[in-house]
């Protein structure tokens, strides 16, 4: 996709816990809860975020100048203006001792190939991808 050193595939849990730790070490206060509302001001951004505290279940509103939404394919559910569309895909994580190179494939299926989805026939290619992770696992994914 690009030269080495310019892109990366991350392990979501390890990435977010590392970012939280780095932010906390630099004085950030980490709040655990569920966003329930965004006060969106149009093209100028979001003024506040309302959330439910994870432990007390109490509702709080935080004034904000910048907000990062990291809800993946669910982002448009909490922020409909986001132009994000989800595609159904399947994934699996396996333990493996492999090289640190991601694999992008393109497999052309035979015209009469019958898949496991109710006998549906495929006449197109499939593109499973495999990403090795630093914890000795490989994340493999592909569309249904």
N, C-alpha and C. Protein backbone atom coordinates (compact mmCIF):
# COMPACT_ATOMS: atom_id res chain seq x y z
N UNK A 1 0.81 -1.19 0.00
CA UNK A 1 0.00 0.00 0.00
C UNK A 1 0.86 1.26 0.00
N UNK A 2 2.01 1.18 0.66
CA UNK A 2 2.91 2.33 0.71
C UNK A 2 4.27 1.85 1.22
N UNK A 3 5.26 2.73 1.17
CA UNK A 3 6.60 2.32 1.62
C UNK A 3 6.63 1.94 3.10
N UNK A 4 7.58 1.09 3.51
CA UNK A 4 7.70 0.72 4.93
C UNK A 4 7.84 1.97 5.81
N UNK A 5 7.24 1.90 6.99
CA UNK A 5 7.33 3.01 7.93
C UNK A 5 6.24 4.06 7.78
N UNK A 6 5.35 3.91 6.77
CA UNK A 6 4.33 4.94 6.58
C UNK A 6 2.92 4.48 6.92
N UNK A 7 2.70 3.17 7.08
CA UNK A 7 1.38 2.68 7.46
C UNK A 7 1.54 1.62 8.54
N UNK A 8 0.44 1.29 9.21
CA UNK A 8 0.51 0.27 10.25
C UNK A 8 -0.85 -0.36 10.46
N UNK A 9 -0.84 -1.57 10.93
CA UNK A 9 -2.05 -2.25 11.39
C UNK A 9 -1.87 -2.39 12.88
N UNK A 10 -2.85 -1.94 13.65
CA UNK A 10 -2.69 -1.96 15.10
C UNK A 10 -3.59 -3.02 15.73
N UNK A 11 -3.21 -3.43 16.91
CA UNK A 11 -4.02 -4.30 17.75
C UNK A 11 -4.91 -3.37 18.56
N UNK A 12 -6.23 -3.36 18.33
CA UNK A 12 -7.10 -2.35 18.95
C UNK A 12 -6.96 -2.23 20.46
N UNK A 13 -6.97 -3.34 21.18
CA UNK A 13 -6.88 -3.28 22.65
C UNK A 13 -5.52 -2.74 23.10
N UNK A 14 -4.45 -3.27 22.53
CA UNK A 14 -3.12 -2.81 22.93
C UNK A 14 -2.92 -1.34 22.57
N UNK A 15 -3.43 -0.91 21.41
CA UNK A 15 -3.29 0.48 21.00
C UNK A 15 -4.03 1.41 21.97
N UNK A 16 -5.29 1.12 22.24
CA UNK A 16 -6.07 2.03 23.10
C UNK A 16 -5.55 2.04 24.53
N UNK A 17 -5.16 0.89 25.08
CA UNK A 17 -4.65 0.90 26.45
C UNK A 17 -3.30 1.61 26.52
N UNK A 18 -2.49 1.50 25.48
CA UNK A 18 -1.21 2.22 25.46
C UNK A 18 -1.43 3.73 25.36
N UNK A 19 -2.35 4.16 24.49
CA UNK A 19 -2.65 5.58 24.36
C UNK A 19 -3.19 6.13 25.68
N UNK A 20 -4.09 5.38 26.33
CA UNK A 20 -4.63 5.82 27.63
C UNK A 20 -3.51 5.96 28.65
N UNK A 21 -2.61 4.99 28.70
CA UNK A 21 -1.49 5.04 29.67
C UNK A 21 -0.60 6.25 29.41
N UNK A 22 -0.26 6.49 28.14
CA UNK A 22 0.58 7.64 27.80
C UNK A 22 -0.11 8.95 28.17
N UNK A 23 -1.40 9.06 27.90
CA UNK A 23 -2.15 10.28 28.23
C UNK A 23 -2.21 10.46 29.74
N UNK A 24 -2.51 9.40 30.51
CA UNK A 24 -2.58 9.48 31.97
C UNK A 24 -1.22 9.89 32.54
N UNK A 25 -0.13 9.35 31.99
CA UNK A 25 1.21 9.69 32.47
C UNK A 25 1.53 11.17 32.26
N UNK A 26 0.84 11.80 31.33
CA UNK A 26 1.06 13.22 31.05
C UNK A 26 -0.02 14.12 31.65
N UNK A 27 -0.81 13.55 32.58
CA UNK A 27 -1.76 14.37 33.31
C UNK A 27 -3.21 14.30 32.89
N UNK A 28 -3.53 13.52 31.87
CA UNK A 28 -4.93 13.42 31.44
C UNK A 28 -5.72 12.59 32.45
N UNK A 29 -6.98 12.96 32.64
CA UNK A 29 -7.88 12.19 33.49
C UNK A 29 -8.72 11.31 32.57
N UNK A 30 -8.70 10.02 32.80
CA UNK A 30 -9.45 9.08 31.98
C UNK A 30 -10.80 8.83 32.63
N UNK A 31 -11.87 9.06 31.88
CA UNK A 31 -13.23 8.83 32.36
C UNK A 31 -13.80 7.63 31.64
N UNK A 32 -14.41 6.72 32.38
CA UNK A 32 -15.00 5.55 31.76
C UNK A 32 -16.51 5.70 31.77
N UNK A 33 -17.10 5.63 30.60
CA UNK A 33 -18.54 5.77 30.50
C UNK A 33 -19.00 5.57 29.08
N UNK A 34 -20.28 5.85 28.86
CA UNK A 34 -20.88 5.67 27.55
C UNK A 34 -21.42 7.01 27.08
N UNK A 35 -20.97 7.45 25.89
CA UNK A 35 -21.47 8.71 25.33
C UNK A 35 -22.95 8.56 25.04
N UNK A 36 -23.75 9.54 25.47
CA UNK A 36 -25.19 9.49 25.24
C UNK A 36 -25.67 10.62 24.34
N UNK A 37 -24.89 11.69 24.22
CA UNK A 37 -25.29 12.80 23.35
C UNK A 37 -24.08 13.65 22.99
N UNK A 38 -24.13 14.24 21.79
CA UNK A 38 -23.11 15.17 21.33
C UNK A 38 -23.81 16.47 20.98
N UNK A 39 -23.28 17.60 21.48
CA UNK A 39 -23.84 18.90 21.11
C UNK A 39 -23.05 19.38 19.90
N UNK A 40 -23.59 19.09 18.73
CA UNK A 40 -22.93 19.36 17.46
C UNK A 40 -23.32 20.75 16.97
N UNK A 41 -22.32 21.57 16.64
CA UNK A 41 -22.57 22.94 16.22
C UNK A 41 -22.43 23.13 14.73
N UNK A 42 -22.51 22.07 13.97
CA UNK A 42 -22.36 22.19 12.52
C UNK A 42 -20.91 22.11 12.12
N UNK A 43 -20.52 22.85 11.09
CA UNK A 43 -19.17 22.72 10.55
C UNK A 43 -18.07 23.18 11.52
N UNK A 44 -18.44 23.78 12.63
CA UNK A 44 -17.44 24.27 13.58
C UNK A 44 -17.14 23.27 14.69
N UNK A 45 -17.79 22.14 14.69
CA UNK A 45 -17.43 21.10 15.63
C UNK A 45 -18.48 20.77 16.68
N UNK A 46 -18.00 20.20 17.77
CA UNK A 46 -18.85 19.74 18.87
C UNK A 46 -18.54 20.59 20.09
N UNK A 47 -19.58 21.11 20.76
CA UNK A 47 -19.41 21.95 21.94
C UNK A 47 -19.30 21.13 23.22
N UNK A 48 -20.00 20.00 23.28
CA UNK A 48 -19.97 19.19 24.50
C UNK A 48 -20.33 17.74 24.22
N UNK A 49 -19.97 16.90 25.18
CA UNK A 49 -20.29 15.47 25.13
C UNK A 49 -21.00 15.12 26.44
N UNK A 50 -22.15 14.49 26.34
CA UNK A 50 -22.86 14.01 27.52
C UNK A 50 -22.62 12.51 27.61
N UNK A 51 -22.32 12.04 28.82
CA UNK A 51 -22.02 10.63 28.98
C UNK A 51 -22.58 10.10 30.29
N UNK A 52 -22.74 8.78 30.34
CA UNK A 52 -23.16 8.08 31.55
C UNK A 52 -21.94 7.44 32.17
N UNK A 53 -21.63 7.79 33.42
CA UNK A 53 -20.49 7.23 34.13
C UNK A 53 -20.66 5.72 34.27
N UNK A 54 -19.60 4.97 33.99
CA UNK A 54 -19.66 3.51 33.99
C UNK A 54 -20.05 2.94 35.34
N UNK A 55 -19.50 3.48 36.43
CA UNK A 55 -19.76 2.91 37.75
C UNK A 55 -20.99 3.50 38.43
N UNK A 56 -21.09 4.83 38.48
CA UNK A 56 -22.19 5.46 39.22
C UNK A 56 -23.48 5.55 38.41
N UNK A 57 -23.39 5.38 37.09
CA UNK A 57 -24.53 5.52 36.17
C UNK A 57 -25.09 6.94 36.14
N UNK A 58 -24.38 7.89 36.74
CA UNK A 58 -24.84 9.28 36.70
C UNK A 58 -24.47 9.91 35.36
N UNK A 59 -25.26 10.91 34.96
CA UNK A 59 -25.09 11.59 33.67
C UNK A 59 -24.27 12.87 33.87
N UNK A 60 -23.28 13.09 33.02
CA UNK A 60 -22.42 14.27 33.09
C UNK A 60 -22.28 14.86 31.69
N UNK A 61 -22.02 16.17 31.63
CA UNK A 61 -21.75 16.82 30.35
C UNK A 61 -20.39 17.51 30.45
N UNK A 62 -19.54 17.25 29.46
CA UNK A 62 -18.22 17.86 29.39
C UNK A 62 -18.19 18.85 28.24
N UNK A 63 -17.78 20.09 28.52
CA UNK A 63 -17.55 21.05 27.45
C UNK A 63 -16.33 20.57 26.67
N UNK A 64 -16.32 20.83 25.37
CA UNK A 64 -15.22 20.33 24.55
C UNK A 64 -14.91 21.29 23.41
N UNK A 65 -13.64 21.35 23.05
CA UNK A 65 -13.25 22.09 21.85
C UNK A 65 -12.91 21.12 20.73
N UNK A 66 -12.48 19.90 21.09
CA UNK A 66 -12.15 18.87 20.12
C UNK A 66 -12.63 17.53 20.66
N UNK A 67 -13.19 16.70 19.80
CA UNK A 67 -13.66 15.38 20.19
C UNK A 67 -13.18 14.38 19.15
N UNK A 68 -12.66 13.26 19.63
CA UNK A 68 -12.25 12.17 18.75
C UNK A 68 -13.26 11.05 18.92
N UNK A 69 -13.90 10.68 17.83
CA UNK A 69 -14.84 9.56 17.84
C UNK A 69 -14.09 8.33 17.37
N UNK A 70 -14.09 7.30 18.19
CA UNK A 70 -13.38 6.07 17.84
C UNK A 70 -14.32 4.89 18.04
N UNK A 71 -15.44 4.91 17.34
CA UNK A 71 -16.45 3.87 17.49
C UNK A 71 -16.49 2.94 16.29
N UNK A 72 -15.49 3.02 15.43
CA UNK A 72 -15.43 2.13 14.28
C UNK A 72 -16.68 2.21 13.43
N UNK A 73 -17.22 1.06 13.02
CA UNK A 73 -18.39 1.08 12.14
C UNK A 73 -19.65 1.61 12.82
N UNK A 74 -19.62 1.81 14.15
CA UNK A 74 -20.77 2.34 14.88
C UNK A 74 -20.72 3.86 14.99
N UNK A 75 -19.67 4.50 14.48
CA UNK A 75 -19.53 5.95 14.59
C UNK A 75 -20.76 6.68 14.09
N UNK A 76 -21.29 6.29 12.94
CA UNK A 76 -22.44 7.01 12.39
C UNK A 76 -23.71 6.82 13.23
N UNK A 77 -23.73 5.85 14.13
CA UNK A 77 -24.88 5.69 15.03
C UNK A 77 -24.90 6.79 16.09
N UNK A 78 -23.72 7.25 16.51
CA UNK A 78 -23.69 8.32 17.51
C UNK A 78 -23.45 9.68 16.89
N UNK A 79 -23.00 9.68 15.63
CA UNK A 79 -22.74 10.93 14.92
C UNK A 79 -23.13 10.74 13.46
N UNK A 80 -24.44 10.89 13.16
CA UNK A 80 -24.93 10.59 11.80
C UNK A 80 -24.25 11.37 10.68
N UNK A 81 -23.66 12.53 10.98
CA UNK A 81 -22.99 13.31 9.94
C UNK A 81 -21.72 12.65 9.43
N UNK A 82 -21.19 11.69 10.19
CA UNK A 82 -19.98 10.98 9.77
C UNK A 82 -20.31 10.11 8.57
N UNK A 83 -19.53 10.22 7.54
CA UNK A 83 -19.77 9.46 6.31
C UNK A 83 -19.03 8.12 6.37
N UNK A 84 -19.43 7.31 7.32
CA UNK A 84 -18.80 6.01 7.51
C UNK A 84 -19.85 4.93 7.30
N UNK A 85 -19.53 3.96 6.47
CA UNK A 85 -20.42 2.85 6.22
C UNK A 85 -19.70 1.56 6.57
N UNK A 86 -20.40 0.68 7.24
CA UNK A 86 -19.81 -0.60 7.62
C UNK A 86 -20.10 -1.66 6.57
N UNK A 87 -19.15 -2.55 6.38
CA UNK A 87 -19.36 -3.72 5.53
C UNK A 87 -19.23 -4.95 6.40
N UNK A 88 -20.10 -5.90 6.17
CA UNK A 88 -20.05 -7.13 6.95
C UNK A 88 -18.78 -7.90 6.57
N UNK A 89 -18.05 -8.31 7.59
CA UNK A 89 -16.83 -9.08 7.38
C UNK A 89 -16.65 -10.03 8.56
N UNK A 90 -15.83 -11.01 8.38
CA UNK A 90 -15.53 -11.96 9.43
C UNK A 90 -14.04 -11.89 9.72
N UNK A 91 -13.68 -12.21 10.96
CA UNK A 91 -12.27 -12.20 11.31
C UNK A 91 -11.98 -13.30 12.31
N UNK A 92 -10.71 -13.64 12.38
CA UNK A 92 -10.25 -14.64 13.33
C UNK A 92 -8.84 -14.24 13.75
N UNK A 93 -8.49 -14.53 14.99
CA UNK A 93 -7.13 -14.29 15.48
C UNK A 93 -6.54 -15.64 15.84
N UNK A 94 -5.36 -15.93 15.27
CA UNK A 94 -4.70 -17.21 15.53
C UNK A 94 -3.29 -16.95 16.05
N UNK A 95 -2.81 -17.85 16.87
CA UNK A 95 -1.44 -17.76 17.36
C UNK A 95 -0.53 -18.35 16.29
N UNK A 96 0.50 -17.62 15.90
CA UNK A 96 1.38 -18.10 14.83
C UNK A 96 2.73 -17.39 14.89
N UNK A 97 3.77 -18.10 14.52
CA UNK A 97 5.11 -17.54 14.44
C UNK A 97 5.39 -17.26 12.97
N UNK A 98 5.16 -16.01 12.56
CA UNK A 98 5.28 -15.64 11.14
C UNK A 98 6.12 -14.39 10.99
N UNK A 99 6.42 -14.05 9.75
CA UNK A 99 7.17 -12.82 9.48
C UNK A 99 6.28 -11.61 9.79
N UNK A 100 6.85 -10.42 9.94
CA UNK A 100 6.06 -9.24 10.27
C UNK A 100 5.41 -8.56 9.08
N UNK A 101 5.15 -9.31 8.01
CA UNK A 101 4.60 -8.71 6.79
C UNK A 101 3.11 -9.00 6.67
N UNK A 102 2.34 -7.98 6.37
CA UNK A 102 0.91 -8.14 6.11
C UNK A 102 0.74 -8.80 4.74
N UNK A 103 -0.33 -9.57 4.60
CA UNK A 103 -0.61 -10.26 3.34
C UNK A 103 -1.96 -9.79 2.83
N UNK A 104 -1.98 -9.27 1.62
CA UNK A 104 -3.22 -8.87 0.94
C UNK A 104 -3.38 -9.79 -0.24
N UNK A 105 -4.49 -10.51 -0.29
CA UNK A 105 -4.66 -11.51 -1.34
C UNK A 105 -5.79 -11.14 -2.29
N UNK A 106 -5.78 -11.75 -3.43
CA UNK A 106 -6.90 -11.68 -4.36
C UNK A 106 -7.03 -13.07 -4.96
N UNK A 107 -8.11 -13.76 -4.58
CA UNK A 107 -8.33 -15.13 -5.01
C UNK A 107 -9.55 -15.17 -5.91
N UNK A 108 -9.35 -15.62 -7.13
CA UNK A 108 -10.46 -15.73 -8.07
C UNK A 108 -11.11 -17.10 -7.87
N UNK A 109 -12.39 -17.09 -7.50
CA UNK A 109 -13.11 -18.34 -7.26
C UNK A 109 -13.63 -18.90 -8.58
N UNK A 110 -13.70 -20.22 -8.68
CA UNK A 110 -14.26 -20.82 -9.89
C UNK A 110 -15.71 -20.36 -10.07
N UNK A 111 -16.17 -20.22 -11.28
CA UNK A 111 -17.52 -19.73 -11.57
C UNK A 111 -18.59 -20.58 -10.89
N UNK A 112 -18.36 -21.88 -10.78
CA UNK A 112 -19.37 -22.77 -10.20
C UNK A 112 -19.11 -23.09 -8.73
N UNK A 113 -18.25 -22.34 -8.08
CA UNK A 113 -17.92 -22.60 -6.67
C UNK A 113 -19.13 -22.33 -5.80
N UNK A 114 -19.46 -23.29 -4.94
CA UNK A 114 -20.60 -23.15 -4.04
C UNK A 114 -20.05 -22.91 -2.64
N UNK A 115 -20.37 -21.75 -2.09
CA UNK A 115 -19.92 -21.41 -0.76
C UNK A 115 -20.79 -22.02 0.32
N UNK A 116 -20.46 -21.74 1.56
CA UNK A 116 -21.20 -22.30 2.68
C UNK A 116 -22.43 -21.48 3.04
N UNK A 117 -22.66 -20.35 2.39
CA UNK A 117 -23.79 -19.48 2.72
C UNK A 117 -25.04 -19.90 1.96
N UNK A 118 -25.60 -21.03 2.32
CA UNK A 118 -26.84 -21.48 1.71
C UNK A 118 -26.72 -21.86 0.25
N UNK A 119 -25.56 -22.29 -0.19
CA UNK A 119 -25.39 -22.72 -1.56
C UNK A 119 -25.23 -21.59 -2.55
N UNK A 120 -25.01 -20.37 -2.06
CA UNK A 120 -24.85 -19.23 -2.96
C UNK A 120 -23.62 -19.43 -3.84
N UNK A 121 -23.74 -19.13 -5.10
CA UNK A 121 -22.63 -19.27 -6.03
C UNK A 121 -21.88 -17.93 -6.14
N UNK A 122 -20.60 -18.04 -6.24
CA UNK A 122 -19.76 -16.85 -6.37
C UNK A 122 -19.11 -16.84 -7.74
N UNK A 123 -19.06 -15.70 -8.38
CA UNK A 123 -18.39 -15.60 -9.66
C UNK A 123 -17.37 -14.48 -9.63
N UNK A 124 -16.91 -14.13 -8.43
CA UNK A 124 -15.99 -13.01 -8.29
C UNK A 124 -14.81 -13.40 -7.39
N UNK A 125 -13.93 -12.48 -7.23
CA UNK A 125 -12.76 -12.76 -6.39
C UNK A 125 -13.06 -12.43 -4.93
N UNK A 126 -12.28 -13.02 -4.06
CA UNK A 126 -12.34 -12.72 -2.62
C UNK A 126 -10.97 -12.20 -2.21
N UNK A 127 -10.92 -11.43 -1.12
CA UNK A 127 -9.68 -10.75 -0.75
C UNK A 127 -9.37 -10.86 0.74
N UNK A 128 -9.11 -12.06 1.25
CA UNK A 128 -8.74 -12.14 2.66
C UNK A 128 -7.42 -11.43 2.92
N UNK A 129 -7.32 -10.86 4.11
CA UNK A 129 -6.10 -10.15 4.51
C UNK A 129 -5.60 -10.73 5.82
N UNK A 130 -4.28 -10.73 6.01
CA UNK A 130 -3.68 -11.24 7.24
C UNK A 130 -2.65 -10.25 7.77
N UNK A 131 -2.79 -9.93 9.05
CA UNK A 131 -1.90 -8.96 9.68
C UNK A 131 -1.24 -9.58 10.91
N UNK A 132 0.08 -9.77 10.88
CA UNK A 132 0.77 -10.26 12.08
C UNK A 132 0.80 -9.15 13.14
N UNK A 133 0.69 -9.55 14.38
CA UNK A 133 0.72 -8.61 15.50
C UNK A 133 1.93 -8.88 16.38
N UNK A 134 2.37 -7.88 17.13
CA UNK A 134 3.59 -8.05 17.93
C UNK A 134 3.44 -9.03 19.10
N UNK A 135 2.20 -9.47 19.40
CA UNK A 135 2.01 -10.40 20.51
C UNK A 135 2.04 -11.87 20.07
N UNK A 136 2.49 -12.14 18.82
CA UNK A 136 2.59 -13.52 18.34
C UNK A 136 1.29 -14.07 17.78
N UNK A 137 0.35 -13.17 17.45
CA UNK A 137 -0.90 -13.60 16.83
C UNK A 137 -1.00 -12.99 15.43
N UNK A 138 -1.92 -13.56 14.65
CA UNK A 138 -2.20 -13.05 13.32
C UNK A 138 -3.70 -12.78 13.24
N UNK A 139 -4.05 -11.59 12.80
CA UNK A 139 -5.44 -11.21 12.59
C UNK A 139 -5.74 -11.44 11.13
N UNK A 140 -6.72 -12.29 10.83
CA UNK A 140 -7.12 -12.56 9.45
C UNK A 140 -8.56 -12.15 9.27
N UNK A 141 -8.86 -11.47 8.17
CA UNK A 141 -10.22 -10.99 7.94
C UNK A 141 -10.57 -11.02 6.47
N UNK A 142 -11.86 -10.95 6.22
CA UNK A 142 -12.34 -10.90 4.86
C UNK A 142 -13.84 -10.70 4.83
N UNK A 143 -14.35 -10.21 3.72
CA UNK A 143 -15.79 -9.99 3.59
C UNK A 143 -16.52 -11.32 3.57
N UNK A 144 -17.79 -11.25 3.90
CA UNK A 144 -18.62 -12.46 3.93
C UNK A 144 -18.62 -13.14 2.57
